Amino acid sequence: MGLWARVVQPRLLDATLGTSQTGGVRQRVCAGMVGDVVEIGYGSGHNQPYLPPGVTGVWAVDPSGGAFALSAARRAASPVPVVRTEAVAERLPFPDDRFDAALSTWTLCATDDPAAVLAELARVLRPGGVLHLVEHGLAEEASVVRWQRRGNGLNKRIAGCVLDRDVRGLLQASPLTVTALTTWYEEGAPRPAGFMYEGRAVAWADATPGHLSAGSC
């Protein structure tokens, strides 16, 4: 891991993902979580201030020590304890049915194998456990998608993620059951980087990939 990925990129993401606008989104996404939570891409801990009182602990999955160091003040100010693992989200070091909820905020875009990540989250969530997520990804307009694909290489080098991840398709193909999914453009953001997916998906012991509950999406 080079200097950019170890030092510069965590500080860049800490600044760009720590605005008041993203704070409002994080508050919505975190609402309703209870019990033990596994958070992939914990980063610099921007979700920590928005955890509801019912959350008993966060297991932070993030291989970036530089990003985790930037979360120190947020962790110190929070009553919710944080346990960090340097594992990658594609191979979670937890037993089956371990967690009550999972959290992913702007993370699937940066994972090497998002399908494996969702399968792992389904595995470690107890039956009825809920994944809370917001992600940027594949836009609905072909003109925007063309710019997303043109910008993927540069965005990957700078921010460490791709712009055109098909979040809806990934969720539909996963073992999770989507119960809510809305899309919108982030105000003030360039359209190729600002198309958002926000929602919930539930883990069931007998889940069938591709299932969507009535009224979702």
N, C-alpha and C. Protein backbone atom coordinates (compact mmCIF):
# COMPACT_ATOMS: atom_id res chain seq x y z
N MET A 1 0.85 -1.19 0.00
CA MET A 1 0.00 0.00 0.00
C MET A 1 0.89 1.24 0.00
N GLY A 2 0.76 2.09 -1.03
CA GLY A 2 1.62 3.24 -1.17
C GLY A 2 1.23 4.40 -0.27
N LEU A 3 2.02 5.47 -0.34
CA LEU A 3 1.80 6.65 0.48
C LEU A 3 0.43 7.26 0.23
N TRP A 4 0.02 7.32 -1.05
CA TRP A 4 -1.29 7.90 -1.36
C TRP A 4 -2.40 7.14 -0.66
N ALA A 5 -2.40 5.81 -0.77
CA ALA A 5 -3.45 4.99 -0.17
C ALA A 5 -3.39 4.99 1.35
N ARG A 6 -2.18 5.06 1.90
CA ARG A 6 -2.02 4.98 3.35
C ARG A 6 -2.30 6.30 4.05
N VAL A 7 -1.91 7.42 3.44
CA VAL A 7 -1.95 8.70 4.13
C VAL A 7 -2.88 9.71 3.47
N VAL A 8 -2.72 9.93 2.17
CA VAL A 8 -3.46 10.99 1.50
C VAL A 8 -4.92 10.63 1.31
N GLN A 9 -5.16 9.45 0.76
CA GLN A 9 -6.54 9.04 0.46
C GLN A 9 -7.44 9.02 1.70
N PRO A 10 -7.00 8.47 2.84
CA PRO A 10 -7.87 8.51 4.02
C PRO A 10 -8.24 9.94 4.44
N ARG A 11 -7.31 10.87 4.33
CA ARG A 11 -7.62 12.26 4.70
C ARG A 11 -8.54 12.91 3.69
N LEU A 12 -8.36 12.58 2.42
CA LEU A 12 -9.24 13.11 1.39
C LEU A 12 -10.67 12.62 1.60
N LEU A 13 -10.84 11.33 1.86
CA LEU A 13 -12.17 10.77 2.08
C LEU A 13 -12.77 11.27 3.39
N ASP A 14 -11.95 11.46 4.40
CA ASP A 14 -12.43 11.99 5.67
C ASP A 14 -13.06 13.36 5.47
N ALA A 15 -12.44 14.17 4.62
CA ALA A 15 -12.95 15.52 4.37
C ALA A 15 -14.19 15.49 3.48
N THR A 16 -14.15 14.75 2.38
CA THR A 16 -15.26 14.78 1.42
C THR A 16 -16.50 14.05 1.92
N LEU A 17 -16.32 13.06 2.79
CA LEU A 17 -17.46 12.29 3.30
C LEU A 17 -17.90 12.73 4.69
N GLY A 18 -17.38 13.87 5.13
CA GLY A 18 -17.73 14.35 6.46
C GLY A 18 -18.49 15.66 6.46
N THR A 19 -19.20 15.95 5.38
CA THR A 19 -19.95 17.19 5.28
C THR A 19 -21.28 17.09 6.02
N SER A 20 -21.92 18.25 6.23
CA SER A 20 -23.23 18.25 6.87
C SER A 20 -24.26 17.53 6.01
N GLN A 21 -24.10 17.60 4.69
CA GLN A 21 -25.03 16.93 3.78
C GLN A 21 -24.94 15.42 3.94
N THR A 22 -23.73 14.86 3.96
CA THR A 22 -23.60 13.42 4.16
C THR A 22 -24.03 13.04 5.57
N GLY A 23 -23.88 13.96 6.52
CA GLY A 23 -24.33 13.68 7.88
C GLY A 23 -25.82 13.42 7.95
N GLY A 24 -26.60 14.20 7.20
CA GLY A 24 -28.03 13.97 7.17
C GLY A 24 -28.39 12.62 6.59
N VAL A 25 -27.65 12.21 5.56
CA VAL A 25 -27.87 10.89 4.97
C VAL A 25 -27.51 9.80 5.96
N ARG A 26 -26.38 9.95 6.62
CA ARG A 26 -25.95 8.94 7.60
C ARG A 26 -26.98 8.78 8.72
N GLN A 27 -27.57 9.88 9.15
CA GLN A 27 -28.57 9.79 10.22
C GLN A 27 -29.76 8.95 9.77
N ARG A 28 -30.20 9.16 8.53
CA ARG A 28 -31.31 8.36 8.00
C ARG A 28 -30.93 6.89 7.89
N VAL A 29 -29.75 6.63 7.37
CA VAL A 29 -29.33 5.25 7.11
C VAL A 29 -29.16 4.48 8.42
N CYS A 30 -28.63 5.14 9.43
CA CYS A 30 -28.39 4.47 10.71
C CYS A 30 -29.66 4.29 11.55
N ALA A 31 -30.70 5.02 11.25
CA ALA A 31 -31.92 4.97 12.06
C ALA A 31 -32.46 3.54 12.13
N GLY A 32 -32.86 3.14 13.34
CA GLY A 32 -33.50 1.85 13.54
C GLY A 32 -32.55 0.70 13.82
N MET A 33 -31.25 0.92 13.75
CA MET A 33 -30.32 -0.18 14.05
C MET A 33 -30.32 -0.46 15.55
N VAL A 34 -30.22 -1.75 15.90
CA VAL A 34 -30.16 -2.17 17.30
C VAL A 34 -29.15 -3.31 17.43
N GLY A 35 -28.66 -3.50 18.65
CA GLY A 35 -27.80 -4.64 18.94
C GLY A 35 -26.40 -4.48 18.41
N ASP A 36 -25.77 -5.61 18.11
CA ASP A 36 -24.40 -5.64 17.60
C ASP A 36 -24.41 -5.39 16.09
N VAL A 37 -23.57 -4.48 15.64
CA VAL A 37 -23.55 -4.05 14.24
C VAL A 37 -22.18 -4.33 13.64
N VAL A 38 -22.16 -4.91 12.45
CA VAL A 38 -20.93 -5.03 11.68
C VAL A 38 -20.95 -3.94 10.63
N GLU A 39 -19.90 -3.10 10.62
CA GLU A 39 -19.82 -2.02 9.64
C GLU A 39 -18.64 -2.27 8.72
N ILE A 40 -18.91 -2.42 7.42
CA ILE A 40 -17.83 -2.57 6.46
C ILE A 40 -17.41 -1.18 5.98
N GLY A 41 -16.10 -1.02 5.76
CA GLY A 41 -15.60 0.28 5.36
C GLY A 41 -15.81 1.34 6.43
N TYR A 42 -15.45 1.01 7.66
CA TYR A 42 -15.65 1.94 8.79
C TYR A 42 -14.95 3.26 8.56
N GLY A 43 -13.80 3.22 7.90
CA GLY A 43 -13.09 4.45 7.56
C GLY A 43 -12.72 5.27 8.78
N SER A 44 -13.02 6.56 8.74
CA SER A 44 -12.68 7.46 9.84
C SER A 44 -13.83 7.67 10.81
N GLY A 45 -14.82 6.78 10.77
CA GLY A 45 -15.85 6.74 11.81
C GLY A 45 -16.93 7.80 11.70
N HIS A 46 -17.24 8.25 10.49
CA HIS A 46 -18.25 9.31 10.36
C HIS A 46 -19.65 8.85 10.75
N ASN A 47 -19.92 7.54 10.77
CA ASN A 47 -21.24 7.09 11.19
C ASN A 47 -21.39 7.04 12.70
N GLN A 48 -20.30 7.06 13.41
CA GLN A 48 -20.32 6.86 14.87
C GLN A 48 -21.27 7.83 15.60
N PRO A 49 -21.28 9.13 15.26
CA PRO A 49 -22.18 10.03 15.98
C PRO A 49 -23.66 9.80 15.71
N TYR A 50 -23.98 9.03 14.69
CA TYR A 50 -25.38 8.85 14.30
C TYR A 50 -25.95 7.49 14.71
N LEU A 51 -25.19 6.72 15.46
CA LEU A 51 -25.67 5.41 15.90
C LEU A 51 -26.80 5.58 16.92
N PRO A 52 -27.92 4.89 16.73
CA PRO A 52 -29.04 5.01 17.67
C PRO A 52 -28.68 4.43 19.04
N PRO A 53 -29.42 4.82 20.07
CA PRO A 53 -29.15 4.33 21.44
C PRO A 53 -29.21 2.81 21.57
N GLY A 54 -29.97 2.15 20.69
CA GLY A 54 -30.12 0.71 20.80
C GLY A 54 -28.92 -0.09 20.32
N VAL A 55 -27.94 0.56 19.72
CA VAL A 55 -26.74 -0.14 19.24
C VAL A 55 -25.82 -0.43 20.43
N THR A 56 -25.44 -1.69 20.58
CA THR A 56 -24.62 -2.10 21.73
C THR A 56 -23.13 -2.18 21.41
N GLY A 57 -22.78 -2.25 20.14
CA GLY A 57 -21.37 -2.32 19.76
C GLY A 57 -21.24 -2.33 18.25
N VAL A 58 -20.07 -1.85 17.77
CA VAL A 58 -19.77 -1.85 16.34
C VAL A 58 -18.50 -2.64 16.10
N TRP A 59 -18.56 -3.58 15.17
CA TRP A 59 -17.38 -4.32 14.73
C TRP A 59 -16.96 -3.72 13.40
N ALA A 60 -15.86 -2.96 13.43
CA ALA A 60 -15.43 -2.15 12.30
C ALA A 60 -14.50 -2.94 11.40
N VAL A 61 -14.92 -3.12 10.15
CA VAL A 61 -14.13 -3.86 9.17
C VAL A 61 -13.48 -2.85 8.24
N ASP A 62 -12.16 -2.71 8.34
CA ASP A 62 -11.45 -1.77 7.47
C ASP A 62 -9.96 -2.05 7.55
N PRO A 63 -9.32 -2.37 6.42
CA PRO A 63 -7.89 -2.66 6.45
C PRO A 63 -7.02 -1.42 6.57
N SER A 64 -7.60 -0.22 6.48
CA SER A 64 -6.81 1.01 6.50
C SER A 64 -6.58 1.51 7.92
N GLY A 65 -5.37 1.33 8.41
CA GLY A 65 -5.04 1.86 9.72
C GLY A 65 -5.02 3.37 9.74
N GLY A 66 -4.65 3.99 8.61
CA GLY A 66 -4.64 5.44 8.54
C GLY A 66 -6.02 6.03 8.72
N ALA A 67 -7.02 5.43 8.08
CA ALA A 67 -8.39 5.91 8.22
C ALA A 67 -8.89 5.71 9.64
N PHE A 68 -8.61 4.54 10.22
CA PHE A 68 -9.11 4.26 11.57
C PHE A 68 -8.50 5.23 12.59
N ALA A 69 -7.26 5.61 12.40
CA ALA A 69 -6.63 6.56 13.32
C ALA A 69 -7.37 7.90 13.32
N LEU A 70 -7.91 8.28 12.17
CA LEU A 70 -8.65 9.54 12.08
C LEU A 70 -9.99 9.49 12.80
N SER A 71 -10.42 8.31 13.21
CA SER A 71 -11.71 8.17 13.89
C SER A 71 -11.60 8.31 15.40
N ALA A 72 -10.42 8.53 15.92
CA ALA A 72 -10.20 8.49 17.38
C ALA A 72 -11.13 9.41 18.15
N ALA A 73 -11.26 10.66 17.71
CA ALA A 73 -12.10 11.61 18.45
C ALA A 73 -13.57 11.21 18.41
N ARG A 74 -14.02 10.70 17.27
CA ARG A 74 -15.43 10.28 17.16
C ARG A 74 -15.70 9.07 18.04
N ARG A 75 -14.76 8.15 18.09
CA ARG A 75 -14.95 6.98 18.96
C ARG A 75 -14.93 7.39 20.43
N ALA A 76 -14.05 8.32 20.78
CA ALA A 76 -13.95 8.76 22.18
C ALA A 76 -15.23 9.48 22.63
N ALA A 77 -15.90 10.15 21.70
CA ALA A 77 -17.10 10.90 22.05
C ALA A 77 -18.37 10.05 22.04
N SER A 78 -18.26 8.80 21.61
CA SER A 78 -19.42 7.93 21.45
C SER A 78 -19.51 6.93 22.59
N PRO A 79 -20.74 6.65 23.08
CA PRO A 79 -20.91 5.62 24.11
C PRO A 79 -20.86 4.20 23.55
N VAL A 80 -20.83 4.07 22.22
CA VAL A 80 -20.87 2.75 21.59
C VAL A 80 -19.44 2.25 21.37
N PRO A 81 -19.07 1.11 21.97
CA PRO A 81 -17.72 0.59 21.79
C PRO A 81 -17.48 0.10 20.37
N VAL A 82 -16.23 0.21 19.92
CA VAL A 82 -15.84 -0.20 18.57
C VAL A 82 -14.73 -1.23 18.66
N VAL A 83 -14.91 -2.34 17.97
CA VAL A 83 -13.90 -3.39 17.86
C VAL A 83 -13.46 -3.43 16.41
N ARG A 84 -12.18 -3.21 16.15
CA ARG A 84 -11.71 -3.15 14.77
C ARG A 84 -11.09 -4.47 14.32
N THR A 85 -11.35 -4.83 13.06
CA THR A 85 -10.63 -5.92 12.42
C THR A 85 -10.06 -5.41 11.11
N GLU A 86 -8.85 -5.82 10.77
CA GLU A 86 -8.21 -5.41 9.53
C GLU A 86 -8.59 -6.31 8.36
N ALA A 87 -9.51 -7.22 8.57
CA ALA A 87 -9.94 -8.13 7.50
C ALA A 87 -10.60 -7.36 6.37
N VAL A 88 -10.68 -7.98 5.20
CA VAL A 88 -11.42 -7.39 4.09
C VAL A 88 -12.86 -7.88 4.14
N ALA A 89 -13.77 -7.09 3.57
CA ALA A 89 -15.19 -7.39 3.68
C ALA A 89 -15.58 -8.65 2.92
N GLU A 90 -14.75 -9.06 1.95
CA GLU A 90 -15.05 -10.29 1.20
C GLU A 90 -14.82 -11.55 2.02
N ARG A 91 -14.10 -11.43 3.13
CA ARG A 91 -13.82 -12.59 3.99
C ARG A 91 -13.92 -12.14 5.45
N LEU A 92 -15.12 -12.10 5.96
CA LEU A 92 -15.34 -11.62 7.32
C LEU A 92 -14.97 -12.69 8.35
N PRO A 93 -14.22 -12.31 9.38
CA PRO A 93 -13.75 -13.29 10.37
C PRO A 93 -14.75 -13.51 11.51
N PHE A 94 -16.01 -13.68 11.17
CA PHE A 94 -17.05 -13.81 12.17
C PHE A 94 -17.88 -15.07 11.91
N PRO A 95 -18.48 -15.65 12.95
CA PRO A 95 -19.33 -16.83 12.75
C PRO A 95 -20.66 -16.47 12.10
N ASP A 96 -21.34 -17.48 11.62
CA ASP A 96 -22.67 -17.28 11.03
C ASP A 96 -23.62 -16.71 12.08
N ASP A 97 -24.59 -15.92 11.62
CA ASP A 97 -25.68 -15.41 12.46
C ASP A 97 -25.18 -14.62 13.66
N ARG A 98 -24.08 -13.90 13.50
CA ARG A 98 -23.45 -13.22 14.63
C ARG A 98 -24.06 -11.85 14.93
N PHE A 99 -24.54 -11.12 13.92
CA PHE A 99 -24.88 -9.71 14.11
C PHE A 99 -26.37 -9.44 13.91
N ASP A 100 -26.81 -8.38 14.61
CA ASP A 100 -28.20 -7.95 14.51
C ASP A 100 -28.42 -7.01 13.33
N ALA A 101 -27.38 -6.30 12.92
CA ALA A 101 -27.50 -5.35 11.81
C ALA A 101 -26.14 -5.19 11.15
N ALA A 102 -26.17 -4.71 9.92
CA ALA A 102 -24.95 -4.40 9.17
C ALA A 102 -25.09 -3.01 8.58
N LEU A 103 -23.95 -2.36 8.37
CA LEU A 103 -23.95 -0.98 7.89
C LEU A 103 -22.90 -0.82 6.80
N SER A 104 -23.32 -0.22 5.70
CA SER A 104 -22.41 0.07 4.58
C SER A 104 -22.75 1.43 4.02
N THR A 105 -21.84 2.38 4.14
CA THR A 105 -22.05 3.71 3.60
C THR A 105 -20.91 4.05 2.65
N TRP A 106 -21.23 4.12 1.36
CA TRP A 106 -20.26 4.45 0.32
C TRP A 106 -19.04 3.52 0.39
N THR A 107 -19.32 2.21 0.41
CA THR A 107 -18.27 1.21 0.56
C THR A 107 -18.23 0.20 -0.58
N LEU A 108 -19.38 -0.26 -1.06
CA LEU A 108 -19.40 -1.29 -2.09
C LEU A 108 -18.66 -0.85 -3.36
N CYS A 109 -18.62 0.45 -3.59
CA CYS A 109 -17.93 0.97 -4.77
C CYS A 109 -16.43 0.71 -4.74
N ALA A 110 -15.88 0.47 -3.55
CA ALA A 110 -14.44 0.32 -3.40
C ALA A 110 -14.00 -1.12 -3.15
N THR A 111 -14.94 -2.05 -3.06
CA THR A 111 -14.57 -3.44 -2.79
C THR A 111 -14.22 -4.17 -4.08
N ASP A 112 -13.33 -5.14 -3.98
CA ASP A 112 -12.91 -5.89 -5.17
C ASP A 112 -14.01 -6.81 -5.68
N ASP A 113 -14.81 -7.36 -4.77
CA ASP A 113 -15.84 -8.33 -5.14
C ASP A 113 -17.11 -8.03 -4.34
N PRO A 114 -17.92 -7.08 -4.80
CA PRO A 114 -19.10 -6.69 -4.02
C PRO A 114 -20.11 -7.81 -3.83
N ALA A 115 -20.20 -8.73 -4.78
CA ALA A 115 -21.12 -9.86 -4.61
C ALA A 115 -20.70 -10.72 -3.43
N ALA A 116 -19.38 -10.95 -3.29
CA ALA A 116 -18.88 -11.71 -2.15
C ALA A 116 -19.12 -10.98 -0.84
N VAL A 117 -19.01 -9.66 -0.86
CA VAL A 117 -19.26 -8.86 0.35
C VAL A 117 -20.70 -9.03 0.81
N LEU A 118 -21.65 -8.92 -0.11
CA LEU A 118 -23.05 -9.07 0.26
C LEU A 118 -23.36 -10.48 0.74
N ALA A 119 -22.74 -11.47 0.13
CA ALA A 119 -22.93 -12.85 0.58
C ALA A 119 -22.39 -13.03 2.00
N GLU A 120 -21.26 -12.42 2.29
CA GLU A 120 -20.69 -12.50 3.64
C GLU A 120 -21.57 -11.78 4.66
N LEU A 121 -22.11 -10.64 4.29
CA LEU A 121 -23.00 -9.94 5.21
C LEU A 121 -24.25 -10.76 5.48
N ALA A 122 -24.79 -11.40 4.45
CA ALA A 122 -25.95 -12.27 4.65
C ALA A 122 -25.62 -13.43 5.58
N ARG A 123 -24.40 -13.92 5.49
CA ARG A 123 -23.98 -15.05 6.33
C ARG A 123 -23.87 -14.65 7.80
N VAL A 124 -23.27 -13.49 8.07
CA VAL A 124 -23.01 -13.11 9.47
C VAL A 124 -24.19 -12.43 10.13
N LEU A 125 -25.20 -12.03 9.35
CA LEU A 125 -26.41 -11.48 9.95
C LEU A 125 -27.31 -12.61 10.45
N ARG A 126 -27.89 -12.42 11.60
CA ARG A 126 -28.88 -13.39 12.09
C ARG A 126 -30.11 -13.32 11.20
N PRO A 127 -30.94 -14.38 11.17
CA PRO A 127 -32.19 -14.30 10.42
C PRO A 127 -33.03 -13.12 10.91
N GLY A 128 -33.40 -12.26 9.99
CA GLY A 128 -34.13 -11.05 10.34
C GLY A 128 -33.23 -9.85 10.53
N GLY A 129 -31.91 -10.06 10.54
CA GLY A 129 -30.98 -8.95 10.65
C GLY A 129 -31.01 -8.09 9.39
N VAL A 130 -30.75 -6.80 9.55
CA VAL A 130 -30.96 -5.84 8.46
C VAL A 130 -29.65 -5.16 8.07
N LEU A 131 -29.40 -5.12 6.77
CA LEU A 131 -28.32 -4.31 6.21
C LEU A 131 -28.88 -2.92 5.91
N HIS A 132 -28.25 -1.89 6.48
CA HIS A 132 -28.58 -0.49 6.21
C HIS A 132 -27.50 0.04 5.28
N LEU A 133 -27.90 0.66 4.17
CA LEU A 133 -26.86 1.07 3.23
C LEU A 133 -27.22 2.34 2.48
N VAL A 134 -26.16 3.05 2.08
CA VAL A 134 -26.23 4.07 1.06
C VAL A 134 -24.97 3.91 0.22
N GLU A 135 -25.13 3.92 -1.09
CA GLU A 135 -24.00 3.74 -2.01
C GLU A 135 -24.21 4.63 -3.23
N HIS A 136 -23.11 5.09 -3.82
CA HIS A 136 -23.25 5.71 -5.13
C HIS A 136 -22.98 4.63 -6.18
N GLY A 137 -23.58 4.81 -7.37
CA GLY A 137 -23.40 3.75 -8.35
C GLY A 137 -24.02 4.06 -9.69
N LEU A 138 -24.30 3.00 -10.42
CA LEU A 138 -24.75 3.07 -11.80
C LEU A 138 -26.00 3.93 -11.94
N ALA A 139 -25.89 4.98 -12.75
CA ALA A 139 -27.02 5.88 -12.97
C ALA A 139 -28.06 5.25 -13.89
N GLU A 140 -29.21 5.87 -13.97
CA GLU A 140 -30.29 5.36 -14.81
C GLU A 140 -30.23 5.90 -16.23
N GLU A 141 -29.59 7.07 -16.41
CA GLU A 141 -29.52 7.70 -17.73
C GLU A 141 -28.26 7.24 -18.45
N ALA A 142 -28.43 6.83 -19.70
CA ALA A 142 -27.30 6.34 -20.48
C ALA A 142 -26.22 7.39 -20.65
N SER A 143 -26.61 8.65 -20.76
CA SER A 143 -25.62 9.71 -20.94
C SER A 143 -24.73 9.85 -19.72
N VAL A 144 -25.30 9.68 -18.53
CA VAL A 144 -24.52 9.76 -17.29
C VAL A 144 -23.64 8.53 -17.15
N VAL A 145 -24.17 7.37 -17.51
CA VAL A 145 -23.39 6.13 -17.43
C VAL A 145 -22.13 6.22 -18.30
N ARG A 146 -22.26 6.83 -19.46
CA ARG A 146 -21.07 6.97 -20.33
C ARG A 146 -19.98 7.77 -19.64
N TRP A 147 -20.36 8.82 -18.95
CA TRP A 147 -19.36 9.61 -18.22
C TRP A 147 -18.82 8.85 -17.01
N GLN A 148 -19.67 8.05 -16.36
CA GLN A 148 -19.19 7.23 -15.25
C GLN A 148 -18.09 6.29 -15.73
N ARG A 149 -18.30 5.65 -16.87
CA ARG A 149 -17.32 4.69 -17.36
C ARG A 149 -16.06 5.37 -17.87
N ARG A 150 -16.19 6.58 -18.41
CA ARG A 150 -15.01 7.34 -18.80
C ARG A 150 -14.19 7.76 -17.59
N GLY A 151 -14.87 8.03 -16.48
CA GLY A 151 -14.18 8.54 -15.30
C GLY A 151 -13.71 7.48 -14.32
N ASN A 152 -14.02 6.21 -14.58
CA ASN A 152 -13.69 5.15 -13.63
C ASN A 152 -12.21 5.09 -13.30
N GLY A 153 -11.36 5.14 -14.32
CA GLY A 153 -9.93 4.99 -14.09
C GLY A 153 -9.37 6.07 -13.19
N LEU A 154 -9.71 7.33 -13.49
CA LEU A 154 -9.20 8.44 -12.69
C LEU A 154 -9.77 8.39 -11.28
N ASN A 155 -11.07 8.11 -11.17
CA ASN A 155 -11.68 8.07 -9.84
C ASN A 155 -11.11 6.95 -8.98
N LYS A 156 -10.80 5.83 -9.62
CA LYS A 156 -10.18 4.71 -8.89
C LYS A 156 -8.83 5.11 -8.34
N ARG A 157 -8.05 5.85 -9.13
CA ARG A 157 -6.72 6.26 -8.66
C ARG A 157 -6.81 7.29 -7.54
N ILE A 158 -7.78 8.20 -7.63
CA ILE A 158 -7.86 9.28 -6.64
C ILE A 158 -8.61 8.84 -5.38
N ALA A 159 -9.82 8.32 -5.57
CA ALA A 159 -10.69 8.00 -4.42
C ALA A 159 -10.72 6.53 -4.07
N GLY A 160 -10.18 5.68 -4.95
CA GLY A 160 -10.14 4.26 -4.64
C GLY A 160 -11.41 3.50 -4.97
N CYS A 161 -12.31 4.10 -5.78
CA CYS A 161 -13.57 3.42 -6.07
C CYS A 161 -14.00 3.66 -7.50
N VAL A 162 -14.96 2.84 -7.96
CA VAL A 162 -15.52 2.99 -9.30
C VAL A 162 -16.86 3.72 -9.21
N LEU A 163 -17.29 4.28 -10.34
CA LEU A 163 -18.48 5.11 -10.35
C LEU A 163 -19.74 4.36 -10.79
N ASP A 164 -19.58 3.23 -11.48
CA ASP A 164 -20.74 2.60 -12.13
C ASP A 164 -21.11 1.25 -11.54
N ARG A 165 -20.93 1.07 -10.26
CA ARG A 165 -21.30 -0.21 -9.65
C ARG A 165 -22.82 -0.36 -9.67
N ASP A 166 -23.30 -1.50 -10.12
CA ASP A 166 -24.74 -1.75 -10.23
C ASP A 166 -25.28 -2.23 -8.89
N VAL A 167 -25.57 -1.29 -8.03
CA VAL A 167 -25.98 -1.62 -6.66
C VAL A 167 -27.30 -2.38 -6.65
N ARG A 168 -28.26 -1.94 -7.43
CA ARG A 168 -29.55 -2.63 -7.47
C ARG A 168 -29.38 -4.08 -7.93
N GLY A 169 -28.63 -4.27 -9.01
CA GLY A 169 -28.43 -5.62 -9.53
C GLY A 169 -27.69 -6.51 -8.54
N LEU A 170 -26.71 -5.95 -7.86
CA LEU A 170 -25.95 -6.72 -6.87
C LEU A 170 -26.85 -7.15 -5.72
N LEU A 171 -27.70 -6.26 -5.25
CA LEU A 171 -28.61 -6.61 -4.16
C LEU A 171 -29.62 -7.67 -4.61
N GLN A 172 -30.13 -7.53 -5.82
CA GLN A 172 -31.11 -8.49 -6.31
C GLN A 172 -30.50 -9.89 -6.47
N ALA A 173 -29.21 -9.94 -6.79
CA ALA A 173 -28.54 -11.23 -6.98
C ALA A 173 -28.00 -11.82 -5.69
N SER A 174 -28.08 -11.08 -4.60
CA SER A 174 -27.51 -11.52 -3.32
C SER A 174 -28.51 -12.37 -2.55
N PRO A 175 -28.07 -12.99 -1.44
CA PRO A 175 -29.00 -13.76 -0.61
C PRO A 175 -29.90 -12.88 0.25
N LEU A 176 -29.74 -11.57 0.18
CA LEU A 176 -30.53 -10.66 0.99
C LEU A 176 -31.86 -10.33 0.32
N THR A 177 -32.85 -9.98 1.11
CA THR A 177 -34.15 -9.55 0.61
C THR A 177 -34.27 -8.04 0.74
N VAL A 178 -34.36 -7.34 -0.37
CA VAL A 178 -34.47 -5.89 -0.34
C VAL A 178 -35.87 -5.49 0.12
N THR A 179 -35.94 -4.67 1.15
CA THR A 179 -37.23 -4.21 1.66
C THR A 179 -37.48 -2.74 1.36
N ALA A 180 -36.44 -1.99 1.03
CA ALA A 180 -36.59 -0.59 0.64
C ALA A 180 -35.37 -0.19 -0.17
N LEU A 181 -35.59 0.53 -1.26
CA LEU A 181 -34.47 1.03 -2.06
C LEU A 181 -34.93 2.23 -2.85
N THR A 182 -34.33 3.36 -2.57
CA THR A 182 -34.64 4.59 -3.30
C THR A 182 -33.37 5.08 -3.99
N THR A 183 -33.55 5.86 -5.06
CA THR A 183 -32.41 6.43 -5.77
C THR A 183 -32.61 7.94 -5.89
N TRP A 184 -31.49 8.65 -5.92
CA TRP A 184 -31.54 10.10 -6.01
C TRP A 184 -30.16 10.64 -6.36
N TYR A 185 -30.14 11.86 -6.85
CA TYR A 185 -28.87 12.52 -7.12
C TYR A 185 -28.51 13.41 -5.93
N GLU A 186 -27.26 13.31 -5.51
CA GLU A 186 -26.78 14.18 -4.43
C GLU A 186 -26.71 15.61 -4.94
N GLU A 187 -27.32 16.51 -4.19
CA GLU A 187 -27.35 17.92 -4.57
C GLU A 187 -25.93 18.50 -4.60
N GLY A 188 -25.60 19.14 -5.70
CA GLY A 188 -24.30 19.80 -5.81
C GLY A 188 -23.17 18.91 -6.29
N ALA A 189 -23.41 17.62 -6.39
CA ALA A 189 -22.35 16.70 -6.81
C ALA A 189 -22.41 16.51 -8.33
N PRO A 190 -21.25 16.25 -8.97
CA PRO A 190 -21.29 15.90 -10.40
C PRO A 190 -22.16 14.67 -10.59
N ARG A 191 -22.99 14.67 -11.61
CA ARG A 191 -23.95 13.58 -11.79
C ARG A 191 -23.30 12.21 -11.89
N PRO A 192 -22.14 12.05 -12.56
CA PRO A 192 -21.53 10.72 -12.61
C PRO A 192 -21.14 10.18 -11.23
N ALA A 193 -20.86 11.06 -10.29
CA ALA A 193 -20.46 10.62 -8.94
C ALA A 193 -21.59 10.74 -7.93
N GLY A 194 -22.73 11.31 -8.35
CA GLY A 194 -23.74 11.66 -7.37
C GLY A 194 -25.02 10.86 -7.41
N PHE A 195 -25.06 9.75 -8.19
CA PHE A 195 -26.28 8.94 -8.23
C PHE A 195 -26.26 7.96 -7.06
N MET A 196 -27.22 8.07 -6.14
CA MET A 196 -27.21 7.34 -4.88
C MET A 196 -28.31 6.28 -4.80
N TYR A 197 -27.95 5.20 -4.11
CA TYR A 197 -28.90 4.15 -3.74
C TYR A 197 -28.95 4.11 -2.21
N GLU A 198 -30.15 4.19 -1.65
CA GLU A 198 -30.31 4.17 -0.19
C GLU A 198 -31.40 3.18 0.17
N GLY A 199 -31.13 2.29 1.13
CA GLY A 199 -32.17 1.35 1.46
C GLY A 199 -31.84 0.37 2.57
N ARG A 200 -32.62 -0.71 2.59
CA ARG A 200 -32.51 -1.76 3.59
C ARG A 200 -32.63 -3.13 2.90
N ALA A 201 -31.94 -4.10 3.44
CA ALA A 201 -32.06 -5.47 2.94
C ALA A 201 -31.95 -6.42 4.13
N VAL A 202 -32.78 -7.44 4.14
CA VAL A 202 -32.90 -8.34 5.29
C VAL A 202 -32.31 -9.71 4.98
N ALA A 203 -31.67 -10.30 5.96
CA ALA A 203 -31.13 -11.65 5.84
C ALA A 203 -32.16 -12.64 6.39
N TRP A 204 -32.47 -13.66 5.59
CA TRP A 204 -33.36 -14.74 6.02
C TRP A 204 -32.65 -16.07 5.85
N ALA A 205 -32.95 -17.01 6.72
CA ALA A 205 -32.29 -18.31 6.66
C ALA A 205 -32.58 -19.03 5.34
N ASP A 206 -33.77 -18.77 4.75
CA ASP A 206 -34.16 -19.46 3.51
C ASP A 206 -34.21 -18.48 2.34
N ALA A 207 -33.33 -17.46 2.36
CA ALA A 207 -33.38 -16.43 1.32
C ALA A 207 -33.10 -17.00 -0.05
N THR A 208 -33.80 -16.47 -1.03
CA THR A 208 -33.58 -16.82 -2.42
C THR A 208 -33.01 -15.61 -3.15
N PRO A 209 -31.82 -15.71 -3.75
CA PRO A 209 -31.24 -14.56 -4.44
C PRO A 209 -32.21 -13.98 -5.47
N GLY A 210 -32.22 -12.65 -5.52
CA GLY A 210 -33.06 -11.97 -6.50
C GLY A 210 -34.44 -11.61 -5.98
N HIS A 211 -34.80 -12.04 -4.78
CA HIS A 211 -36.14 -11.77 -4.26
C HIS A 211 -36.23 -10.32 -3.80
N LEU A 212 -37.31 -9.67 -4.17
CA LEU A 212 -37.61 -8.33 -3.69
C LEU A 212 -38.97 -8.37 -3.02
N SER A 213 -39.07 -7.79 -1.84
CA SER A 213 -40.35 -7.80 -1.15
C SER A 213 -41.31 -6.84 -1.83
N ALA A 214 -42.57 -7.01 -1.59
CA ALA A 214 -43.58 -6.18 -2.21
C ALA A 214 -43.37 -4.72 -1.86
N GLY A 215 -43.44 -3.85 -2.85
CA GLY A 215 -43.34 -2.42 -2.61
C GLY A 215 -41.93 -1.89 -2.60
N SER A 216 -40.93 -2.71 -2.70
CA SER A 216 -39.55 -2.21 -2.68
C SER A 216 -39.16 -1.71 -4.05
N CYS A 217 -38.12 -0.86 -4.05
CA CYS A 217 -37.56 -0.29 -5.28
C CYS A 217 -38.61 0.52 -6.02
